[in-house]
Structures are given as structure tokens and as C-alpha cells.
């Protein structure tokens, strides 16, 4: 019985690691969004993560929440500099959210400032 329990626990650990690796390395979708950056904050109780909001139009229904991975320091610094401005972001969507990475399934990869002349 003891050997079975050890093998079963090892099996569960391997399955959990495989699911985590699948979620991390295989994106569900990739895309771009543009809008005005209205919020970027460092929040959380147990896991501190960087969370932001992009205003896509008028009203609260037109807000899009995203996260910044802890390892993407350059993206975070760009977002802090561009707060309140129109930006275009490239993002990836994961299959499910992981609490220590962010509050959302959407993670910003690149940030680009939009020129005022383009409008």
C-alpha cells in the first residue's frame, strides 16, 4: 500500500507539473489591443502582482484588465511611463490564471505608444 501511495503522489506531481508547463508555454491566444492606459498597480496579499487596465472606449464596460509577468521589468517600466496615454499592447492569453503570476489570463508582452497625430 505504501508503494502505491508513493507512486500515486509522484504521478499527481508529474501531472500537475505538466499542466503548469502547458499553461505557461502554450498560449491560448495572442493579439493586440489599443486604448488609454488608466491604471497600473502592484497589488495582492499573498502574491504581489502587477495589474493594469486599458480603457477601450467610454464607460466601465469598455475596460480591459491585464497582468504583467514578474520577469517583464522593461514592460512594467514602459507602462509606468505611459500611464494616461494612448498605447498599443501585444499580449498572450493563457488557458487559466495562476495566482502567483497575475489576476488575469492576459499577459502583456510588448508596449508601444500611439502617436497623437494618428488620431
PDB file of N, CA and C in Angstrom:
ATOM      1  N   UNK A   1       0.813  -1.196   0.000  1.00  0.00           N
ATOM      2  CA  UNK A   1       0.000   0.000   0.000  1.00  0.00           C
ATOM      3  C   UNK A   1       0.862   1.267   0.000  1.00  0.00           C
ATOM      4  N   UNK A   2       1.977   1.223   0.723  1.00  0.00           N
ATOM      5  CA  UNK A   2       2.859   2.385   0.815  1.00  0.00           C
ATOM      6  C   UNK A   2       3.489   2.712  -0.549  1.00  0.00           C
ATOM      7  N   UNK A   3       3.896   1.678  -1.286  1.00  0.00           N
ATOM      8  CA  UNK A   3       4.482   1.888  -2.615  1.00  0.00           C
ATOM      9  C   UNK A   3       3.454   2.493  -3.570  1.00  0.00           C
ATOM     10  N   UNK A   4       2.228   2.001  -3.479  1.00  0.00           N
ATOM     11  CA  UNK A   4       1.163   2.536  -4.329  1.00  0.00           C
ATOM     12  C   UNK A   4       0.934   4.019  -4.040  1.00  0.00           C
ATOM     13  N   UNK A   5       0.902   4.387  -2.771  1.00  0.00           N
ATOM     14  CA  UNK A   5       0.688   5.786  -2.390  1.00  0.00           C
ATOM     15  C   UNK A   5       1.821   6.678  -2.902  1.00  0.00           C
ATOM     16  N   UNK A   6       3.041   6.220  -2.790  1.00  0.00           N
ATOM     17  CA  UNK A   6       4.187   6.997  -3.280  1.00  0.00           C
ATOM     18  C   UNK A   6       4.117   7.154  -4.797  1.00  0.00           C
ATOM     19  N   UNK A   7       3.801   6.068  -5.504  1.00  0.00           N
ATOM     20  CA  UNK A   7       3.680   6.149  -6.966  1.00  0.00           C
ATOM     21  C   UNK A   7       2.534   7.058  -7.381  1.00  0.00           C
ATOM     22  N   UNK A   8       1.437   6.988  -6.658  1.00  0.00           N
ATOM     23  CA  UNK A   8       0.290   7.842  -6.964  1.00  0.00           C
ATOM     24  C   UNK A   8       0.628   9.317  -6.740  1.00  0.00           C
ATOM     25  N   UNK A   9       1.316   9.636  -5.643  1.00  0.00           N
ATOM     26  CA  UNK A   9       1.722  11.024  -5.378  1.00  0.00           C
ATOM     27  C   UNK A   9       2.706  11.519  -6.434  1.00  0.00           C
ATOM     28  N   UNK A  10       3.643  10.690  -6.830  1.00  0.00           N
ATOM     29  CA  UNK A  10       4.573  11.067  -7.901  1.00  0.00           C
ATOM     30  C   UNK A  10       3.824  11.312  -9.203  1.00  0.00           C
ATOM     31  N   UNK A  11       2.853  10.468  -9.502  1.00  0.00           N
ATOM     32  CA  UNK A  11       2.030  10.644 -10.694  1.00  0.00           C
ATOM     33  C   UNK A  11       1.290  11.987 -10.648  1.00  0.00           C
ATOM     34  N   UNK A  12       0.704  12.317  -9.503  1.00  0.00           N
ATOM     35  CA  UNK A  12      -0.002  13.601  -9.364  1.00  0.00           C
ATOM     36  C   UNK A  12       0.943  14.787  -9.533  1.00  0.00           C
ATOM     37  N   UNK A  13       2.139  14.690  -9.000  1.00  0.00           N
ATOM     38  CA  UNK A  13       3.122  15.774  -9.133  1.00  0.00           C
ATOM     39  C   UNK A  13       3.520  15.953 -10.599  1.00  0.00           C
ATOM     40  N   UNK A  14       3.749  14.859 -11.302  1.00  0.00           N
ATOM     41  CA  UNK A  14       4.119  14.928 -12.724  1.00  0.00           C
ATOM     42  C   UNK A  14       2.979  15.517 -13.548  1.00  0.00           C
ATOM     43  N   UNK A  15       1.752  15.115 -13.269  1.00  0.00           N
ATOM     44  CA  UNK A  15       0.591  15.650 -13.995  1.00  0.00           C
ATOM     45  C   UNK A  15       0.446  17.149 -13.717  1.00  0.00           C
ATOM     46  N   UNK A  16       0.563  17.558 -12.453  1.00  0.00           N
ATOM     47  CA  UNK A  16       0.452  18.979 -12.102  1.00  0.00           C
ATOM     48  C   UNK A  16       1.551  19.800 -12.774  1.00  0.00           C
ATOM     49  N   UNK A  17       2.776  19.289 -12.782  1.00  0.00           N
ATOM     50  CA  UNK A  17       3.884  19.994 -13.438  1.00  0.00           C
ATOM     51  C   UNK A  17       3.644  20.090 -14.946  1.00  0.00           C
ATOM     52  N   UNK A  18       3.122  19.028 -15.528  1.00  0.00           N
ATOM     53  CA  UNK A  18       2.823  19.041 -16.965  1.00  0.00           C
ATOM     54  C   UNK A  18       1.736  20.049 -17.314  1.00  0.00           C
ATOM     55  N   UNK A  19       0.691  20.110 -16.498  1.00  0.00           N
ATOM     56  CA  UNK A  19      -0.380  21.084 -16.737  1.00  0.00           C
ATOM     57  C   UNK A  19       0.130  22.515 -16.589  1.00  0.00           C
ATOM     58  N   UNK A  20       0.960  22.748 -15.576  1.00  0.00           N
ATOM     59  CA  UNK A  20       1.521  24.088 -15.393  1.00  0.00           C
ATOM     60  C   UNK A  20       2.409  24.469 -16.582  1.00  0.00           C
ATOM     61  N   UNK A  21       3.254  23.547 -17.022  1.00  0.00           N
ATOM     62  CA  UNK A  21       4.130  23.823 -18.171  1.00  0.00           C
ATOM     63  C   UNK A  21       3.307  24.073 -19.428  1.00  0.00           C
ATOM     64  N   UNK A  22       2.248  23.301 -19.619  1.00  0.00           N
ATOM     65  CA  UNK A  22       1.374  23.503 -20.772  1.00  0.00           C
ATOM     66  C   UNK A  22       0.744  24.891 -20.729  1.00  0.00           C
ATOM     67  N   UNK A  23       0.238  25.292 -19.572  1.00  0.00           N
ATOM     68  CA  UNK A  23      -0.391  26.611 -19.426  1.00  0.00           C
ATOM     69  C   UNK A  23       0.623  27.735 -19.656  1.00  0.00           C
ATOM     70  N   UNK A  24       1.860  27.538 -19.213  1.00  0.00           N
ATOM     71  CA  UNK A  24       2.874  28.589 -19.310  1.00  0.00           C
ATOM     72  C   UNK A  24       3.443  28.708 -20.728  1.00  0.00           C
ATOM     73  N   UNK A  25       3.717  27.604 -21.375  1.00  0.00           N
ATOM     74  CA  UNK A  25       4.418  27.635 -22.657  1.00  0.00           C
ATOM     75  C   UNK A  25       3.517  27.585 -23.885  1.00  0.00           C
ATOM     76  N   UNK A  26       2.251  27.218 -23.731  1.00  0.00           N
ATOM     77  CA  UNK A  26       1.340  27.133 -24.866  1.00  0.00           C
ATOM     78  C   UNK A  26       0.243  28.174 -24.680  1.00  0.00           C
ATOM     79  N   UNK A  27       0.316  29.297 -25.391  1.00  0.00           N
ATOM     80  CA  UNK A  27      -0.719  30.323 -25.210  1.00  0.00           C
ATOM     81  C   UNK A  27      -2.043  29.911 -25.849  1.00  0.00           C
ATOM     82  N   UNK A  28      -3.129  30.321 -25.210  1.00  0.00           N
ATOM     83  CA  UNK A  28      -4.456  30.071 -25.756  1.00  0.00           C
ATOM     84  C   UNK A  28      -4.697  30.970 -26.961  1.00  0.00           C
ATOM     85  N   UNK A  29      -4.294  32.242 -26.831  1.00  0.00           N
ATOM     86  CA  UNK A  29      -4.401  33.172 -27.958  1.00  0.00           C
ATOM     87  C   UNK A  29      -3.341  34.252 -27.810  1.00  0.00           C
ATOM     88  N   UNK A  30      -3.093  34.950 -28.896  1.00  0.00           N
ATOM     89  CA  UNK A  30      -2.174  36.083 -28.919  1.00  0.00           C
ATOM     90  C   UNK A  30      -2.851  37.193 -29.702  1.00  0.00           C
ATOM     91  N   UNK A  31      -2.577  38.431 -29.335  1.00  0.00           N
ATOM     92  CA  UNK A  31      -3.222  39.511 -30.053  1.00  0.00           C
ATOM     93  C   UNK A  31      -2.725  40.882 -29.637  1.00  0.00           C
ATOM     94  N   UNK A  32      -3.462  41.888 -30.101  1.00  0.00           N
ATOM     95  CA  UNK A  32      -3.137  43.280 -29.829  1.00  0.00           C
ATOM     96  C   UNK A  32      -4.386  43.988 -29.320  1.00  0.00           C
ATOM     97  N   UNK A  33      -4.194  44.953 -28.463  1.00  0.00           N
ATOM     98  CA  UNK A  33      -5.278  45.820 -28.007  1.00  0.00           C
ATOM     99  C   UNK A  33      -4.716  47.231 -27.957  1.00  0.00           C
ATOM    100  N   UNK A  34      -5.604  48.189 -28.209  1.00  0.00           N
ATOM    101  CA  UNK A  34      -5.200  49.593 -28.154  1.00  0.00           C
ATOM    102  C   UNK A  34      -6.216  50.354 -27.334  1.00  0.00           C
ATOM    103  N   UNK A  35      -5.734  51.333 -26.601  1.00  0.00           N
ATOM    104  CA  UNK A  35      -6.601  52.156 -25.785  1.00  0.00           C
ATOM    105  C   UNK A  35      -5.770  53.056 -24.885  1.00  0.00           C
ATOM    106  N   UNK A  36      -6.448  53.654 -23.927  1.00  0.00           N
ATOM    107  CA  UNK A  36      -5.776  54.546 -22.984  1.00  0.00           C
ATOM    108  C   UNK A  36      -5.474  53.772 -21.704  1.00  0.00           C
ATOM    109  N   UNK A  37      -4.216  53.815 -21.287  1.00  0.00           N
ATOM    110  CA  UNK A  37      -3.804  53.140 -20.057  1.00  0.00           C
ATOM    111  C   UNK A  37      -4.306  53.952 -18.871  1.00  0.00           C
ATOM    112  N   UNK A  38      -5.232  53.376 -18.105  1.00  0.00           N
ATOM    113  CA  UNK A  38      -5.812  54.141 -16.998  1.00  0.00           C
ATOM    114  C   UNK A  38      -5.336  53.667 -15.634  1.00  0.00           C
ATOM    115  N   UNK A  39      -4.712  52.506 -15.568  1.00  0.00           N
ATOM    116  CA  UNK A  39      -4.295  52.020 -14.253  1.00  0.00           C
ATOM    117  C   UNK A  39      -3.185  50.996 -14.384  1.00  0.00           C
ATOM    118  N   UNK A  40      -2.212  51.094 -13.479  1.00  0.00           N
ATOM    119  CA  UNK A  40      -1.204  50.061 -13.310  1.00  0.00           C
ATOM    120  C   UNK A  40      -0.879  50.030 -11.829  1.00  0.00           C
ATOM    121  N   UNK A  41      -1.084  48.884 -11.193  1.00  0.00           N
ATOM    122  CA  UNK A  41      -0.866  48.805  -9.752  1.00  0.00           C
ATOM    123  C   UNK A  41      -0.193  47.495  -9.372  1.00  0.00           C
ATOM    124  N   UNK A  42       0.498  47.557  -8.251  1.00  0.00           N
ATOM    125  CA  UNK A  42       1.171  46.396  -7.677  1.00  0.00           C
ATOM    126  C   UNK A  42       0.319  45.965  -6.498  1.00  0.00           C
ATOM    127  N   UNK A  43      -0.416  44.854  -6.638  1.00  0.00           N
ATOM    128  CA  UNK A  43      -1.371  44.505  -5.597  1.00  0.00           C
ATOM    129  C   UNK A  43      -1.346  43.023  -5.268  1.00  0.00           C
ATOM    130  N   UNK A  44      -1.974  42.707  -4.161  1.00  0.00           N
ATOM    131  CA  UNK A  44      -2.081  41.328  -3.716  1.00  0.00           C
ATOM    132  C   UNK A  44      -1.733  41.204  -2.251  1.00  0.00           C
ATOM    133  N   UNK A  45      -2.244  40.146  -1.634  1.00  0.00           N
ATOM    134  CA  UNK A  45      -1.952  39.899  -0.220  1.00  0.00           C
ATOM    135  C   UNK A  45      -0.836  38.865  -0.106  1.00  0.00           C
ATOM    136  N   UNK A  46      -1.081  37.699  -0.638  1.00  0.00           N
ATOM    137  CA  UNK A  46      -0.087  36.638  -0.565  1.00  0.00           C
ATOM    138  C   UNK A  46       0.920  36.737  -1.715  1.00  0.00           C
ATOM    139  N   UNK A  47       0.417  36.990  -2.921  1.00  0.00           N
ATOM    140  CA  UNK A  47       1.275  37.138  -4.102  1.00  0.00           C
ATOM    141  C   UNK A  47       1.095  38.546  -4.654  1.00  0.00           C
ATOM    142  N   UNK A  48       2.151  39.346  -4.670  1.00  0.00           N
ATOM    143  CA  UNK A  48       2.102  40.700  -5.238  1.00  0.00           C
ATOM    144  C   UNK A  48       2.309  40.606  -6.742  1.00  0.00           C
ATOM    145  N   UNK A  49       1.321  41.089  -7.490  1.00  0.00           N
ATOM    146  CA  UNK A  49       1.395  41.051  -8.944  1.00  0.00           C
ATOM    147  C   UNK A  49       1.111  42.427  -9.506  1.00  0.00           C
ATOM    148  N   UNK A  50       1.547  42.665 -10.736  1.00  0.00           N
ATOM    149  CA  UNK A  50       1.299  43.931 -11.425  1.00  0.00           C
ATOM    150  C   UNK A  50       0.067  43.765 -12.303  1.00  0.00           C
ATOM    151  N   UNK A  51      -0.941  44.597 -12.048  1.00  0.00           N
ATOM    152  CA  UNK A  51      -2.213  44.539 -12.762  1.00  0.00           C
ATOM    153  C   UNK A  51      -2.503  45.892 -13.384  1.00  0.00           C
ATOM    154  N   UNK A  52      -3.103  45.890 -14.559  1.00  0.00           N
ATOM    155  CA  UNK A  52      -3.418  47.136 -15.242  1.00  0.00           C
ATOM    156  C   UNK A  52      -4.780  47.091 -15.898  1.00  0.00           C
ATOM    157  N   UNK A  53      -5.226  48.264 -16.306  1.00  0.00           N
ATOM    158  CA  UNK A  53      -6.494  48.387 -17.041  1.00  0.00           C
ATOM    159  C   UNK A  53      -6.291  49.307 -18.222  1.00  0.00           C
ATOM    160  N   UNK A  54      -6.919  48.930 -19.313  1.00  0.00           N
ATOM    161  CA  UNK A  54      -6.882  49.691 -20.547  1.00  0.00           C
ATOM    162  C   UNK A  54      -8.305  50.117 -20.860  1.00  0.00           C
ATOM    163  N   UNK A  55      -8.514  51.398 -21.090  1.00  0.00           N
ATOM    164  CA  UNK A  55      -9.831  51.892 -21.468  1.00  0.00           C
ATOM    165  C   UNK A  55      -9.954  51.797 -22.985  1.00  0.00           C
ATOM    166  N   UNK A  56     -10.927  51.005 -23.439  1.00  0.00           N
ATOM    167  CA  UNK A  56     -11.123  50.798 -24.866  1.00  0.00           C
ATOM    168  C   UNK A  56     -12.190  51.722 -25.435  1.00  0.00           C
ATOM    169  N   UNK A  57     -12.854  52.454 -24.592  1.00  0.00           N
ATOM    170  CA  UNK A  57     -13.920  53.344 -25.036  1.00  0.00           C
ATOM    171  C   UNK A  57     -14.505  54.091 -23.858  1.00  0.00           C
ATOM    172  N   UNK A  58     -15.780  54.391 -23.957  1.00  0.00           N
ATOM    173  CA  UNK A  58     -16.455  55.147 -22.907  1.00  0.00           C
ATOM    174  C   UNK A  58     -17.182  54.180 -21.987  1.00  0.00           C
ATOM    175  N   UNK A  59     -17.060  54.392 -20.684  1.00  0.00           N
ATOM    176  CA  UNK A  59     -17.791  53.590 -19.715  1.00  0.00           C
ATOM    177  C   UNK A  59     -16.982  52.454 -19.134  1.00  0.00           C
ATOM    178  N   UNK A  60     -17.543  51.871 -18.067  1.00  0.00           N
ATOM    179  CA  UNK A  60     -16.845  50.781 -17.382  1.00  0.00           C
ATOM    180  C   UNK A  60     -16.887  49.473 -18.165  1.00  0.00           C
ATOM    181  N   UNK A  61     -17.840  49.326 -19.062  1.00  0.00           N
ATOM    182  CA  UNK A  61     -17.922  48.095 -19.853  1.00  0.00           C
ATOM    183  C   UNK A  61     -16.812  47.998 -20.886  1.00  0.00           C
ATOM    184  N   UNK A  62     -16.161  49.081 -21.161  1.00  0.00           N
ATOM    185  CA  UNK A  62     -15.121  49.107 -22.184  1.00  0.00           C
ATOM    186  C   UNK A  62     -13.715  49.073 -21.577  1.00  0.00           C
ATOM    187  N   UNK A  63     -13.584  48.514 -20.380  1.00  0.00           N
ATOM    188  CA  UNK A  63     -12.275  48.385 -19.750  1.00  0.00           C
ATOM    189  C   UNK A  63     -11.779  46.959 -19.908  1.00  0.00           C
ATOM    190  N   UNK A  64     -10.472  46.828 -20.112  1.00  0.00           N
ATOM    191  CA  UNK A  64      -9.855  45.530 -20.291  1.00  0.00           C
ATOM    192  C   UNK A  64      -8.719  45.376 -19.274  1.00  0.00           C
ATOM    193  N   UNK A  65      -8.826  44.356 -18.443  1.00  0.00           N
ATOM    194  CA  UNK A  65      -7.822  44.114 -17.403  1.00  0.00           C
ATOM    195  C   UNK A  65      -6.730  43.187 -17.933  1.00  0.00           C
ATOM    196  N   UNK A  66      -5.506  43.456 -17.498  1.00  0.00           N
ATOM    197  CA  UNK A  66      -4.370  42.630 -17.905  1.00  0.00           C
ATOM    198  C   UNK A  66      -3.373  42.533 -16.765  1.00  0.00           C
ATOM    199  N   UNK A  67      -2.436  41.626 -16.903  1.00  0.00           N
ATOM    200  CA  UNK A  67      -1.360  41.437 -15.927  1.00  0.00           C
ATOM    201  C   UNK A  67      -0.018  41.574 -16.620  1.00  0.00           C
ATOM    202  N   UNK A  68       1.002  41.853 -15.818  1.00  0.00           N
ATOM    203  CA  UNK A  68       2.373  41.902 -16.314  1.00  0.00           C
ATOM    204  C   UNK A  68       3.156  40.846 -15.545  1.00  0.00           C
ATOM    205  N   UNK A  69       3.843  39.980 -16.259  1.00  0.00           N
ATOM    206  CA  UNK A  69       4.603  38.924 -15.595  1.00  0.00           C
ATOM    207  C   UNK A  69       5.705  39.536 -14.738  1.00  0.00           C
ATOM    208  N   UNK A  70       5.999  38.924 -13.593  1.00  0.00           N
ATOM    209  CA  UNK A  70       7.040  39.462 -12.706  1.00  0.00           C
ATOM    210  C   UNK A  70       8.400  39.613 -13.387  1.00  0.00           C
ATOM    211  N   UNK A  71       8.706  38.785 -14.365  1.00  0.00           N
ATOM    212  CA  UNK A  71      10.012  38.834 -15.031  1.00  0.00           C
ATOM    213  C   UNK A  71      10.101  39.931 -16.094  1.00  0.00           C
ATOM    214  N   UNK A  72       8.979  40.538 -16.484  1.00  0.00           N
ATOM    215  CA  UNK A  72       8.967  41.562 -17.542  1.00  0.00           C
ATOM    216  C   UNK A  72       9.116  42.967 -16.977  1.00  0.00           C
ATOM    217  N   UNK A  73      10.295  43.254 -16.451  1.00  0.00           N
ATOM    218  CA  UNK A  73      10.550  44.556 -15.825  1.00  0.00           C
ATOM    219  C   UNK A  73      10.501  45.692 -16.848  1.00  0.00           C
ATOM    220  N   UNK A  74      11.019  45.470 -18.053  1.00  0.00           N
ATOM    221  CA  UNK A  74      11.022  46.523 -19.067  1.00  0.00           C
ATOM    222  C   UNK A  74       9.599  46.895 -19.491  1.00  0.00           C
ATOM    223  N   UNK A  75       8.704  45.922 -19.560  1.00  0.00           N
ATOM    224  CA  UNK A  75       7.299  46.192 -19.915  1.00  0.00           C
ATOM    225  C   UNK A  75       6.654  47.021 -18.809  1.00  0.00           C
ATOM    226  N   UNK A  76       6.894  46.633 -17.575  1.00  0.00           N
ATOM    227  CA  UNK A  76       6.334  47.363 -16.430  1.00  0.00           C
ATOM    228  C   UNK A  76       6.813  48.815 -16.406  1.00  0.00           C
ATOM    229  N   UNK A  77       8.096  49.031 -16.659  1.00  0.00           N
ATOM    230  CA  UNK A  77       8.633  50.398 -16.662  1.00  0.00           C
ATOM    231  C   UNK A  77       8.031  51.228 -17.793  1.00  0.00           C
ATOM    232  N   UNK A  78       7.849  50.610 -18.972  1.00  0.00           N
ATOM    233  CA  UNK A  78       7.214  51.320 -20.084  1.00  0.00           C
ATOM    234  C   UNK A  78       5.787  51.707 -19.729  1.00  0.00           C
ATOM    235  N   UNK A  79       5.043  50.793 -19.132  1.00  0.00           N
ATOM    236  CA  UNK A  79       3.663  51.075 -18.752  1.00  0.00           C
ATOM    237  C   UNK A  79       3.586  52.191 -17.710  1.00  0.00           C
ATOM    238  N   UNK A  80       4.503  52.196 -16.757  1.00  0.00           N
ATOM    239  CA  UNK A  80       4.511  53.262 -15.756  1.00  0.00           C
ATOM    240  C   UNK A  80       4.752  54.628 -16.401  1.00  0.00           C
ATOM    241  N   UNK A  81       5.606  54.677 -17.412  1.00  0.00           N
ATOM    242  CA  UNK A  81       5.891  55.935 -18.113  1.00  0.00           C
ATOM    243  C   UNK A  81       4.725  56.388 -18.990  1.00  0.00           C
ATOM    244  N   UNK A  82       3.917  55.457 -19.474  1.00  0.00           N
ATOM    245  CA  UNK A  82       2.851  55.772 -20.432  1.00  0.00           C
ATOM    246  C   UNK A  82       1.467  55.864 -19.796  1.00  0.00           C
ATOM    247  N   UNK A  83       1.391  55.891 -18.487  1.00  0.00           N
ATOM    248  CA  UNK A  83       0.101  55.939 -17.816  1.00  0.00           C
ATOM    249  C   UNK A  83      -0.668  57.185 -18.210  1.00  0.00           C
ATOM    250  N   UNK A  84      -1.937  57.002 -18.582  1.00  0.00           N
ATOM    251  CA  UNK A  84      -2.787  58.111 -19.012  1.00  0.00           C
ATOM    252  C   UNK A  84      -2.680  58.416 -20.496  1.00  0.00           C
ATOM    253  N   UNK A  85      -1.855  57.683 -21.211  1.00  0.00           N
ATOM    254  CA  UNK A  85      -1.650  57.928 -22.644  1.00  0.00           C
ATOM    255  C   UNK A  85      -2.236  56.783 -23.468  1.00  0.00           C
ATOM    256  N   UNK A  86      -2.407  57.035 -24.759  1.00  0.00           N
ATOM    257  CA  UNK A  86      -2.886  56.004 -25.676  1.00  0.00           C
ATOM    258  C   UNK A  86      -1.738  55.075 -26.036  1.00  0.00           C
ATOM    259  N   UNK A  87      -2.003  53.783 -25.908  1.00  0.00           N
ATOM    260  CA  UNK A  87      -0.969  52.789 -26.172  1.00  0.00           C
ATOM    261  C   UNK A  87      -1.547  51.631 -26.976  1.00  0.00           C
ATOM    262  N   UNK A  88      -0.642  50.864 -27.552  1.00  0.00           N
ATOM    263  CA  UNK A  88      -0.983  49.610 -28.229  1.00  0.00           C
ATOM    264  C   UNK A  88      -0.155  48.540 -27.540  1.00  0.00           C
ATOM    265  N   UNK A  89      -0.805  47.454 -27.138  1.00  0.00           N
ATOM    266  CA  UNK A  89      -0.072  46.396 -26.462  1.00  0.00           C
ATOM    267  C   UNK A  89      -0.225  45.077 -27.213  1.00  0.00           C
ATOM    268  N   UNK A  90       0.812  44.273 -27.114  1.00  0.00           N
ATOM    269  CA  UNK A  90       0.770  42.906 -27.614  1.00  0.00           C
ATOM    270  C   UNK A  90       0.652  42.016 -26.387  1.00  0.00           C
ATOM    271  N   UNK A  91      -0.258  41.050 -26.430  1.00  0.00           N
ATOM    272  CA  UNK A  91      -0.498  40.212 -25.264  1.00  0.00           C
ATOM    273  C   UNK A  91      -0.649  38.747 -25.654  1.00  0.00           C
ATOM    274  N   UNK A  92      -0.537  37.904 -24.637  1.00  0.00           N
ATOM    275  CA  UNK A  92      -0.866  36.494 -24.791  1.00  0.00           C
ATOM    276  C   UNK A  92      -1.925  36.153 -23.747  1.00  0.00           C
ATOM    277  N   UNK A  93      -2.806  35.231 -24.117  1.00  0.00           N
ATOM    278  CA  UNK A  93      -3.830  34.755 -23.194  1.00  0.00           C
ATOM    279  C   UNK A  93      -3.515  33.304 -22.851  1.00  0.00           C
ATOM    280  N   UNK A  94      -3.509  33.016 -21.578  1.00  0.00           N
ATOM    281  CA  UNK A  94      -3.259  31.658 -21.108  1.00  0.00           C
ATOM    282  C   UNK A  94      -4.587  30.931 -20.924  1.00  0.00           C
ATOM    283  N   UNK A  95      -4.544  29.612 -20.776  1.00  0.00           N
ATOM    284  CA  UNK A  95      -5.757  28.822 -20.606  1.00  0.00           C
ATOM    285  C   UNK A  95      -6.456  29.132 -19.284  1.00  0.00           C
ATOM    286  N   UNK A  96      -5.695  29.303 -18.221  1.00  0.00           N
ATOM    287  CA  UNK A  96      -6.269  29.655 -16.928  1.00  0.00           C
ATOM    288  C   UNK A  96      -5.273  30.529 -16.177  1.00  0.00           C
ATOM    289  N   UNK A  97      -5.773  31.275 -15.207  1.00  0.00           N
ATOM    290  CA  UNK A  97      -4.890  32.177 -14.466  1.00  0.00           C
ATOM    291  C   UNK A  97      -4.209  31.431 -13.326  1.00  0.00           C
ATOM    292  N   UNK A  98      -3.003  31.880 -13.020  1.00  0.00           N
ATOM    293  CA  UNK A  98      -2.199  31.313 -11.946  1.00  0.00           C
ATOM    294  C   UNK A  98      -1.963  32.433 -10.933  1.00  0.00           C
ATOM    295  N   UNK A  99      -2.349  32.248  -9.671  1.00  0.00           N
ATOM    296  CA  UNK A  99      -2.325  33.346  -8.693  1.00  0.00           C
ATOM    297  C   UNK A  99      -0.985  34.052  -8.512  1.00  0.00           C
ATOM    298  N   UNK A 100       0.136  33.349  -8.611  1.00  0.00           N
ATOM    299  CA  UNK A 100       1.421  33.999  -8.390  1.00  0.00           C
ATOM    300  C   UNK A 100       1.938  34.726  -9.630  1.00  0.00           C
ATOM    301  N   UNK A 101       1.238  34.601 -10.762  1.00  0.00           N
ATOM    302  CA  UNK A 101       1.652  35.317 -11.968  1.00  0.00           C
ATOM    303  C   UNK A 101       0.792  36.541 -12.236  1.00  0.00           C
ATOM    304  N   UNK A 102      -0.495  36.490 -11.856  1.00  0.00           N
ATOM    305  CA  UNK A 102      -1.374  37.622 -12.105  1.00  0.00           C
ATOM    306  C   UNK A 102      -2.827  37.291 -11.850  1.00  0.00           C
ATOM    307  N   UNK A 103      -3.653  38.332 -11.794  1.00  0.00           N
ATOM    308  CA  UNK A 103      -5.084  38.170 -11.540  1.00  0.00           C
ATOM    309  C   UNK A 103      -5.869  37.833 -12.797  1.00  0.00           C
ATOM    310  N   UNK A 104      -5.265  37.961 -13.956  1.00  0.00           N
ATOM    311  CA  UNK A 104      -5.976  37.710 -15.205  1.00  0.00           C
ATOM    312  C   UNK A 104      -5.270  36.631 -16.011  1.00  0.00           C
ATOM    313  N   UNK A 105      -5.896  36.257 -17.117  1.00  0.00           N
ATOM    314  CA  UNK A 105      -5.281  35.297 -18.045  1.00  0.00           C
ATOM    315  C   UNK A 105      -4.504  36.021 -19.137  1.00  0.00           C
ATOM    316  N   UNK A 106      -4.551  37.349 -19.160  1.00  0.00           N
ATOM    317  CA  UNK A 106      -3.926  38.153 -20.217  1.00  0.00           C
ATOM    318  C   UNK A 106      -2.624  38.751 -19.702  1.00  0.00           C
ATOM    319  N   UNK A 107      -1.535  38.510 -20.430  1.00  0.00           N
ATOM    320  CA  UNK A 107      -0.221  38.994 -20.026  1.00  0.00           C
ATOM    321  C   UNK A 107       0.400  39.810 -21.153  1.00  0.00           C
ATOM    322  N   UNK A 108       0.819  41.027 -20.823  1.00  0.00           N
ATOM    323  CA  UNK A 108       1.400  41.939 -21.801  1.00  0.00           C
ATOM    324  C   UNK A 108       2.823  41.511 -22.132  1.00  0.00           C
ATOM    325  N   UNK A 109       3.124  41.461 -23.444  1.00  0.00           N
ATOM    326  CA  UNK A 109       4.466  41.124 -23.905  1.00  0.00           C
ATOM    327  C   UNK A 109       5.226  42.361 -24.368  1.00  0.00           C
ATOM    328  N   UNK A 110       4.549  43.252 -25.097  1.00  0.00           N
ATOM    329  CA  UNK A 110       5.182  44.454 -25.648  1.00  0.00           C
ATOM    330  C   UNK A 110       4.237  45.635 -25.509  1.00  0.00           C
ATOM    331  N   UNK A 111       4.809  46.827 -25.399  1.00  0.00           N
ATOM    332  CA  UNK A 111       4.035  48.066 -25.288  1.00  0.00           C
ATOM    333  C   UNK A 111       4.570  49.058 -26.298  1.00  0.00           C
ATOM    334  N   UNK A 112       3.649  49.773 -26.924  1.00  0.00           N
ATOM    335  CA  UNK A 112       4.031  50.789 -27.909  1.00  0.00           C
ATOM    336  C   UNK A 112       3.144  52.014 -27.708  1.00  0.00           C
ATOM    337  N   UNK A 113       3.758  53.182 -27.634  1.00  0.00           N
ATOM    338  CA  UNK A 113       2.996  54.422 -27.512  1.00  0.00           C
ATOM    339  C   UNK A 113       2.380  54.777 -28.855  1.00  0.00           C
ATOM    340  N   UNK A 114       1.132  55.215 -28.827  1.00  0.00           N
ATOM    341  CA  UNK A 114       0.456  55.650 -30.041  1.00  0.00           C
ATOM    342  C   UNK A 114       0.692  57.152 -30.228  1.00  0.00           C
ATOM    343  N   UNK A 115       0.999  57.540 -31.444  1.00  0.00           N
ATOM    344  CA  UNK A 115       1.226  58.954 -31.740  1.00  0.00           C
ATOM    345  C   UNK A 115      -0.091  59.697 -31.717  1.00  0.00           C
ATOM    346  N   UNK A 116      -0.063  60.927 -31.219  1.00  0.00           N
ATOM    347  CA  UNK A 116      -1.257  61.761 -31.184  1.00  0.00           C
ATOM    348  C   UNK A 116      -1.708  62.106 -32.607  1.00  0.00           C
ATOM    349  N   UNK A 117      -0.770  62.148 -33.560  1.00  0.00           N
ATOM    350  CA  UNK A 117      -1.090  62.543 -34.942  1.00  0.00           C
ATOM    351  C   UNK A 117      -1.904  61.477 -35.660  1.00  0.00           C
ATOM    352  N   UNK A 118      -1.853  60.222 -35.190  1.00  0.00           N
ATOM    353  CA  UNK A 118      -2.549  59.132 -35.856  1.00  0.00           C
ATOM    354  C   UNK A 118      -4.068  59.233 -35.690  1.00  0.00           C
ATOM    355  N   UNK A 119      -4.536  59.966 -34.685  1.00  0.00           N
ATOM    356  CA  UNK A 119      -5.959  60.009 -34.390  1.00  0.00           C
ATOM    357  C   UNK A 119      -6.702  60.893 -35.323  1.00  0.00           C
TER     358      UNK A 119
END
